[in-house]
């Protein structure tokens, strides 16, 4: 049964959600850490900046609080990437493609346009994440698991607005 689950092209969302919940519980019990990912981006940027401008990193008060280093959260994000890669390989859905078919049918075949929109979206998203003091996984998943009202509100807004924007983008692109 486990092998069939791991090799499936799509996972049952209820089962995948339950597995995520168990992983969150284990994360708290074993490492005393809740899920979160956005600070690892800042730490990675700081590590790169240390290579090119170490004096700048030493002068910033922010990096005194968020030391540029590989920590538990950084490894968590690496694990997300590796787990996703492994899952797609096991399920037989892995493929390299410059443009997803859904994007191509809605917005055309410009790779530059896709890269620009992805970069702009990432920039806006990261600005919001840092402004909010955390990412959807931190506020949503970890917050809800602690029965936090703000976590529930955040998760509801993340998903709701995400669905609305995706529907607007992909419906608007086809018309």
C-alpha atoms as a PDB file:
ATOM      1  CA  UNK A   1       0.000   0.000   0.000  1.00  0.00           C
ATOM      2  CA  UNK A   2       2.804   2.442   0.849  1.00  0.00           C
ATOM      3  CA  UNK A   3       4.579   1.664  -2.418  1.00  0.00           C
ATOM      4  CA  UNK A   4       1.336   2.246  -4.368  1.00  0.00           C
ATOM      5  CA  UNK A   5       0.836   5.558  -2.495  1.00  0.00           C
ATOM      6  CA  UNK A   6       4.395   6.725  -3.237  1.00  0.00           C
ATOM      7  CA  UNK A   7       4.215   5.753  -6.917  1.00  0.00           C
ATOM      8  CA  UNK A   8       0.832   7.363  -7.590  1.00  0.00           C
ATOM      9  CA  UNK A   9       0.789  10.236 -10.091  1.00  0.00           C
ATOM     10  CA  UNK A  10      -1.491  12.207  -7.773  1.00  0.00           C
ATOM     11  CA  UNK A  11      -1.924  11.717  -4.052  1.00  0.00           C
ATOM     12  CA  UNK A  12      -5.180  11.657  -2.175  1.00  0.00           C
ATOM     13  CA  UNK A  13      -5.309  15.165  -0.644  1.00  0.00           C
ATOM     14  CA  UNK A  14      -6.730  13.886   2.647  1.00  0.00           C
ATOM     15  CA  UNK A  15      -3.988  11.315   3.041  1.00  0.00           C
ATOM     16  CA  UNK A  16      -1.287  13.794   1.982  1.00  0.00           C
ATOM     17  CA  UNK A  17      -2.687  16.329   4.462  1.00  0.00           C
ATOM     18  CA  UNK A  18      -2.650  13.730   7.236  1.00  0.00           C
ATOM     19  CA  UNK A  19       0.969  12.855   6.402  1.00  0.00           C
ATOM     20  CA  UNK A  20       1.862  16.564   6.511  1.00  0.00           C
ATOM     21  CA  UNK A  21       0.199  16.843   9.901  1.00  0.00           C
ATOM     22  CA  UNK A  22       2.130  13.860  11.243  1.00  0.00           C
ATOM     23  CA  UNK A  23       5.374  15.367   9.899  1.00  0.00           C
ATOM     24  CA  UNK A  24       4.588  18.667  11.625  1.00  0.00           C
ATOM     25  CA  UNK A  25       3.975  16.871  14.921  1.00  0.00           C
ATOM     26  CA  UNK A  26       7.222  14.908  14.542  1.00  0.00           C
ATOM     27  CA  UNK A  27       9.070  18.114  13.661  1.00  0.00           C
ATOM     28  CA  UNK A  28       7.907  19.753  16.873  1.00  0.00           C
ATOM     29  CA  UNK A  29       8.575  16.666  19.005  1.00  0.00           C
ATOM     30  CA  UNK A  30      12.000  15.837  17.557  1.00  0.00           C
ATOM     31  CA  UNK A  31      13.457  19.233  16.604  1.00  0.00           C
ATOM     32  CA  UNK A  32      11.206  21.636  18.528  1.00  0.00           C
ATOM     33  CA  UNK A  33      10.597  23.461  15.218  1.00  0.00           C
ATOM     34  CA  UNK A  34       7.389  24.394  13.402  1.00  0.00           C
ATOM     35  CA  UNK A  35       7.140  24.509   9.613  1.00  0.00           C
ATOM     36  CA  UNK A  36       8.370  27.663   7.909  1.00  0.00           C
ATOM     37  CA  UNK A  37      10.504  28.511   4.912  1.00  0.00           C
ATOM     38  CA  UNK A  38      10.868  32.233   4.193  1.00  0.00           C
ATOM     39  CA  UNK A  39      13.774  32.966   6.522  1.00  0.00           C
ATOM     40  CA  UNK A  40      15.901  30.432   4.627  1.00  0.00           C
ATOM     41  CA  UNK A  41      15.688  32.740   1.582  1.00  0.00           C
ATOM     42  CA  UNK A  42      17.013  35.637   3.658  1.00  0.00           C
ATOM     43  CA  UNK A  43      19.755  33.458   5.138  1.00  0.00           C
ATOM     44  CA  UNK A  44      20.737  32.253   1.632  1.00  0.00           C
ATOM     45  CA  UNK A  45      20.873  35.837   0.359  1.00  0.00           C
ATOM     46  CA  UNK A  46      23.038  36.722   3.368  1.00  0.00           C
ATOM     47  CA  UNK A  47      25.391  33.806   2.664  1.00  0.00           C
ATOM     48  CA  UNK A  48      25.781  34.967  -0.948  1.00  0.00           C
ATOM     49  CA  UNK A  49      26.266  38.541   0.178  1.00  0.00           C
ATOM     50  CA  UNK A  50      28.938  37.386   2.637  1.00  0.00           C
ATOM     51  CA  UNK A  51      30.956  36.161  -0.357  1.00  0.00           C
ATOM     52  CA  UNK A  52      30.770  39.477  -2.226  1.00  0.00           C
ATOM     53  CA  UNK A  53      30.345  42.111   0.512  1.00  0.00           C
ATOM     54  CA  UNK A  54      31.079  40.630   3.952  1.00  0.00           C
ATOM     55  CA  UNK A  55      31.436  44.072   5.555  1.00  0.00           C
ATOM     56  CA  UNK A  56      27.867  44.920   4.513  1.00  0.00           C
ATOM     57  CA  UNK A  57      26.499  41.785   6.177  1.00  0.00           C
ATOM     58  CA  UNK A  58      28.397  42.571   9.399  1.00  0.00           C
ATOM     59  CA  UNK A  59      26.948  46.105   9.469  1.00  0.00           C
ATOM     60  CA  UNK A  60      23.299  45.142   9.029  1.00  0.00           C
ATOM     61  CA  UNK A  61      21.373  44.729  12.257  1.00  0.00           C
ATOM     62  CA  UNK A  62      18.994  42.345  10.505  1.00  0.00           C
ATOM     63  CA  UNK A  63      21.760  39.795   9.953  1.00  0.00           C
ATOM     64  CA  UNK A  64      22.677  39.986  13.621  1.00  0.00           C
ATOM     65  CA  UNK A  65      19.215  38.503  14.283  1.00  0.00           C
ATOM     66  CA  UNK A  66      19.026  36.274  11.183  1.00  0.00           C
ATOM     67  CA  UNK A  67      22.594  35.025  10.888  1.00  0.00           C
ATOM     68  CA  UNK A  68      23.382  33.868   7.344  1.00  0.00           C
ATOM     69  CA  UNK A  69      23.899  30.141   7.881  1.00  0.00           C
ATOM     70  CA  UNK A  70      22.584  26.717   6.983  1.00  0.00           C
ATOM     71  CA  UNK A  71      20.160  25.876   9.750  1.00  0.00           C
ATOM     72  CA  UNK A  72      17.204  23.574  10.377  1.00  0.00           C
ATOM     73  CA  UNK A  73      14.820  25.640   8.243  1.00  0.00           C
ATOM     74  CA  UNK A  74      17.273  25.798   5.352  1.00  0.00           C
ATOM     75  CA  UNK A  75      17.542  22.005   5.423  1.00  0.00           C
ATOM     76  CA  UNK A  76      13.727  21.800   5.634  1.00  0.00           C
ATOM     77  CA  UNK A  77      13.450  23.763   2.370  1.00  0.00           C
ATOM     78  CA  UNK A  78      16.088  21.555   0.747  1.00  0.00           C
ATOM     79  CA  UNK A  79      14.049  18.553   1.906  1.00  0.00           C
ATOM     80  CA  UNK A  80      10.916  20.017   0.273  1.00  0.00           C
ATOM     81  CA  UNK A  81      12.785  20.313  -3.018  1.00  0.00           C
ATOM     82  CA  UNK A  82      14.305  16.834  -2.819  1.00  0.00           C
ATOM     83  CA  UNK A  83      11.006  15.286  -1.676  1.00  0.00           C
ATOM     84  CA  UNK A  84       9.149  16.910  -4.571  1.00  0.00           C
ATOM     85  CA  UNK A  85      11.774  15.702  -7.021  1.00  0.00           C
ATOM     86  CA  UNK A  86      11.637  12.168  -5.625  1.00  0.00           C
ATOM     87  CA  UNK A  87       7.825  12.165  -5.645  1.00  0.00           C
ATOM     88  CA  UNK A  88       7.646  13.257  -9.279  1.00  0.00           C
ATOM     89  CA  UNK A  89      10.239  10.652 -10.266  1.00  0.00           C
ATOM     90  CA  UNK A  90       8.441   7.842  -8.400  1.00  0.00           C
ATOM     91  CA  UNK A  91       5.070   8.889  -9.847  1.00  0.00           C
ATOM     92  CA  UNK A  92       6.470   9.139 -13.358  1.00  0.00           C
ATOM     93  CA  UNK A  93       5.393  12.769 -13.775  1.00  0.00           C
ATOM     94  CA  UNK A  94       8.826  14.427 -13.807  1.00  0.00           C
ATOM     95  CA  UNK A  95       9.656  16.354 -16.963  1.00  0.00           C
ATOM     96  CA  UNK A  96      11.689  19.395 -17.865  1.00  0.00           C
ATOM     97  CA  UNK A  97       9.767  21.989 -19.824  1.00  0.00           C
ATOM     98  CA  UNK A  98      10.380  25.623 -20.611  1.00  0.00           C
ATOM     99  CA  UNK A  99       6.681  26.522 -20.491  1.00  0.00           C
ATOM    100  CA  UNK A 100       3.811  24.589 -18.918  1.00  0.00           C
ATOM    101  CA  UNK A 101       1.023  23.820 -21.417  1.00  0.00           C
ATOM    102  CA  UNK A 102      -1.507  25.800 -19.347  1.00  0.00           C
ATOM    103  CA  UNK A 103       0.695  28.909 -19.496  1.00  0.00           C
ATOM    104  CA  UNK A 104       1.357  28.477 -23.211  1.00  0.00           C
ATOM    105  CA  UNK A 105      -2.348  28.197 -24.063  1.00  0.00           C
ATOM    106  CA  UNK A 106      -3.274  31.216 -21.939  1.00  0.00           C
ATOM    107  CA  UNK A 107      -0.360  33.593 -22.590  1.00  0.00           C
ATOM    108  CA  UNK A 108       1.625  32.343 -25.580  1.00  0.00           C
ATOM    109  CA  UNK A 109       5.076  30.888 -26.025  1.00  0.00           C
ATOM    110  CA  UNK A 110       7.349  33.637 -24.715  1.00  0.00           C
ATOM    111  CA  UNK A 111       9.835  32.197 -22.240  1.00  0.00           C
ATOM    112  CA  UNK A 112      11.017  35.725 -21.423  1.00  0.00           C
ATOM    113  CA  UNK A 113       7.464  36.765 -20.514  1.00  0.00           C
ATOM    114  CA  UNK A 114       7.083  33.701 -18.282  1.00  0.00           C
ATOM    115  CA  UNK A 115      10.431  34.388 -16.571  1.00  0.00           C
ATOM    116  CA  UNK A 116       9.514  38.052 -16.028  1.00  0.00           C
ATOM    117  CA  UNK A 117       6.128  37.233 -14.530  1.00  0.00           C
ATOM    118  CA  UNK A 118       7.663  34.521 -12.324  1.00  0.00           C
ATOM    119  CA  UNK A 119      10.364  36.917 -11.115  1.00  0.00           C
ATOM    120  CA  UNK A 120       7.862  39.711 -10.436  1.00  0.00           C
ATOM    121  CA  UNK A 121       5.531  37.303  -8.633  1.00  0.00           C
ATOM    122  CA  UNK A 122       8.404  35.994  -6.540  1.00  0.00           C
ATOM    123  CA  UNK A 123       9.515  39.514  -5.679  1.00  0.00           C
ATOM    124  CA  UNK A 124       6.012  40.587  -4.649  1.00  0.00           C
ATOM    125  CA  UNK A 125       5.488  37.358  -2.729  1.00  0.00           C
ATOM    126  CA  UNK A 126       8.787  37.618  -0.851  1.00  0.00           C
ATOM    127  CA  UNK A 127       8.108  41.271   0.001  1.00  0.00           C
ATOM    128  CA  UNK A 128       4.753  40.269   1.488  1.00  0.00           C
ATOM    129  CA  UNK A 129       6.259  37.313   3.301  1.00  0.00           C
ATOM    130  CA  UNK A 130       8.960  39.419   4.944  1.00  0.00           C
ATOM    131  CA  UNK A 131       6.450  42.192   5.704  1.00  0.00           C
ATOM    132  CA  UNK A 132       4.175  39.656   7.418  1.00  0.00           C
ATOM    133  CA  UNK A 133       7.095  38.122   9.292  1.00  0.00           C
ATOM    134  CA  UNK A 134       6.685  34.666   7.758  1.00  0.00           C
ATOM    135  CA  UNK A 135       5.443  32.555   4.913  1.00  0.00           C
ATOM    136  CA  UNK A 136       2.163  30.729   4.251  1.00  0.00           C
ATOM    137  CA  UNK A 137       3.545  27.489   5.666  1.00  0.00           C
ATOM    138  CA  UNK A 138       4.650  29.245   8.840  1.00  0.00           C
ATOM    139  CA  UNK A 139       1.527  31.315   9.370  1.00  0.00           C
ATOM    140  CA  UNK A 140      -0.934  28.874   7.864  1.00  0.00           C
ATOM    141  CA  UNK A 141       0.104  25.319   8.612  1.00  0.00           C
ATOM    142  CA  UNK A 142       1.975  25.942  11.841  1.00  0.00           C
ATOM    143  CA  UNK A 143      -0.459  28.599  13.030  1.00  0.00           C
ATOM    144  CA  UNK A 144      -3.534  26.441  12.429  1.00  0.00           C
ATOM    145  CA  UNK A 145      -1.877  23.477  14.151  1.00  0.00           C
ATOM    146  CA  UNK A 146      -1.567  25.696  17.224  1.00  0.00           C
ATOM    147  CA  UNK A 147      -5.232  26.751  16.876  1.00  0.00           C
ATOM    148  CA  UNK A 148      -4.159  30.317  16.160  1.00  0.00           C
ATOM    149  CA  UNK A 149      -6.951  32.524  14.830  1.00  0.00           C
ATOM    150  CA  UNK A 150      -4.429  34.633  12.897  1.00  0.00           C
ATOM    151  CA  UNK A 151      -3.028  31.438  11.337  1.00  0.00           C
ATOM    152  CA  UNK A 152      -6.490  30.352  10.230  1.00  0.00           C
ATOM    153  CA  UNK A 153      -7.243  33.795   8.776  1.00  0.00           C
ATOM    154  CA  UNK A 154      -3.866  33.871   7.009  1.00  0.00           C
ATOM    155  CA  UNK A 155      -4.285  30.395   5.513  1.00  0.00           C
ATOM    156  CA  UNK A 156      -7.818  31.171   4.350  1.00  0.00           C
ATOM    157  CA  UNK A 157      -6.651  34.390   2.677  1.00  0.00           C
ATOM    158  CA  UNK A 158      -3.597  32.741   1.064  1.00  0.00           C
ATOM    159  CA  UNK A 159      -5.700  30.035  -0.539  1.00  0.00           C
ATOM    160  CA  UNK A 160      -8.692  32.227  -1.371  1.00  0.00           C
ATOM    161  CA  UNK A 161      -6.685  34.991  -3.008  1.00  0.00           C
ATOM    162  CA  UNK A 162      -4.458  32.429  -4.753  1.00  0.00           C
ATOM    163  CA  UNK A 163      -7.496  30.757  -6.314  1.00  0.00           C
ATOM    164  CA  UNK A 164      -8.993  34.102  -7.384  1.00  0.00           C
ATOM    165  CA  UNK A 165      -5.753  35.323  -8.950  1.00  0.00           C
ATOM    166  CA  UNK A 166      -5.154  32.017 -10.770  1.00  0.00           C
ATOM    167  CA  UNK A 167      -8.721  32.003 -12.124  1.00  0.00           C
ATOM    168  CA  UNK A 168      -8.412  35.620 -13.254  1.00  0.00           C
ATOM    169  CA  UNK A 169      -5.020  35.057 -14.885  1.00  0.00           C
ATOM    170  CA  UNK A 170      -5.903  31.903 -16.749  1.00  0.00           C
ATOM    171  CA  UNK A 171      -9.452  32.872 -17.739  1.00  0.00           C
ATOM    172  CA  UNK A 172      -8.309  36.367 -18.724  1.00  0.00           C
ATOM    173  CA  UNK A 173      -5.453  34.986 -20.820  1.00  0.00           C
ATOM    174  CA  UNK A 174      -7.733  32.791 -22.969  1.00  0.00           C
ATOM    175  CA  UNK A 175     -10.244  35.493 -23.877  1.00  0.00           C
END
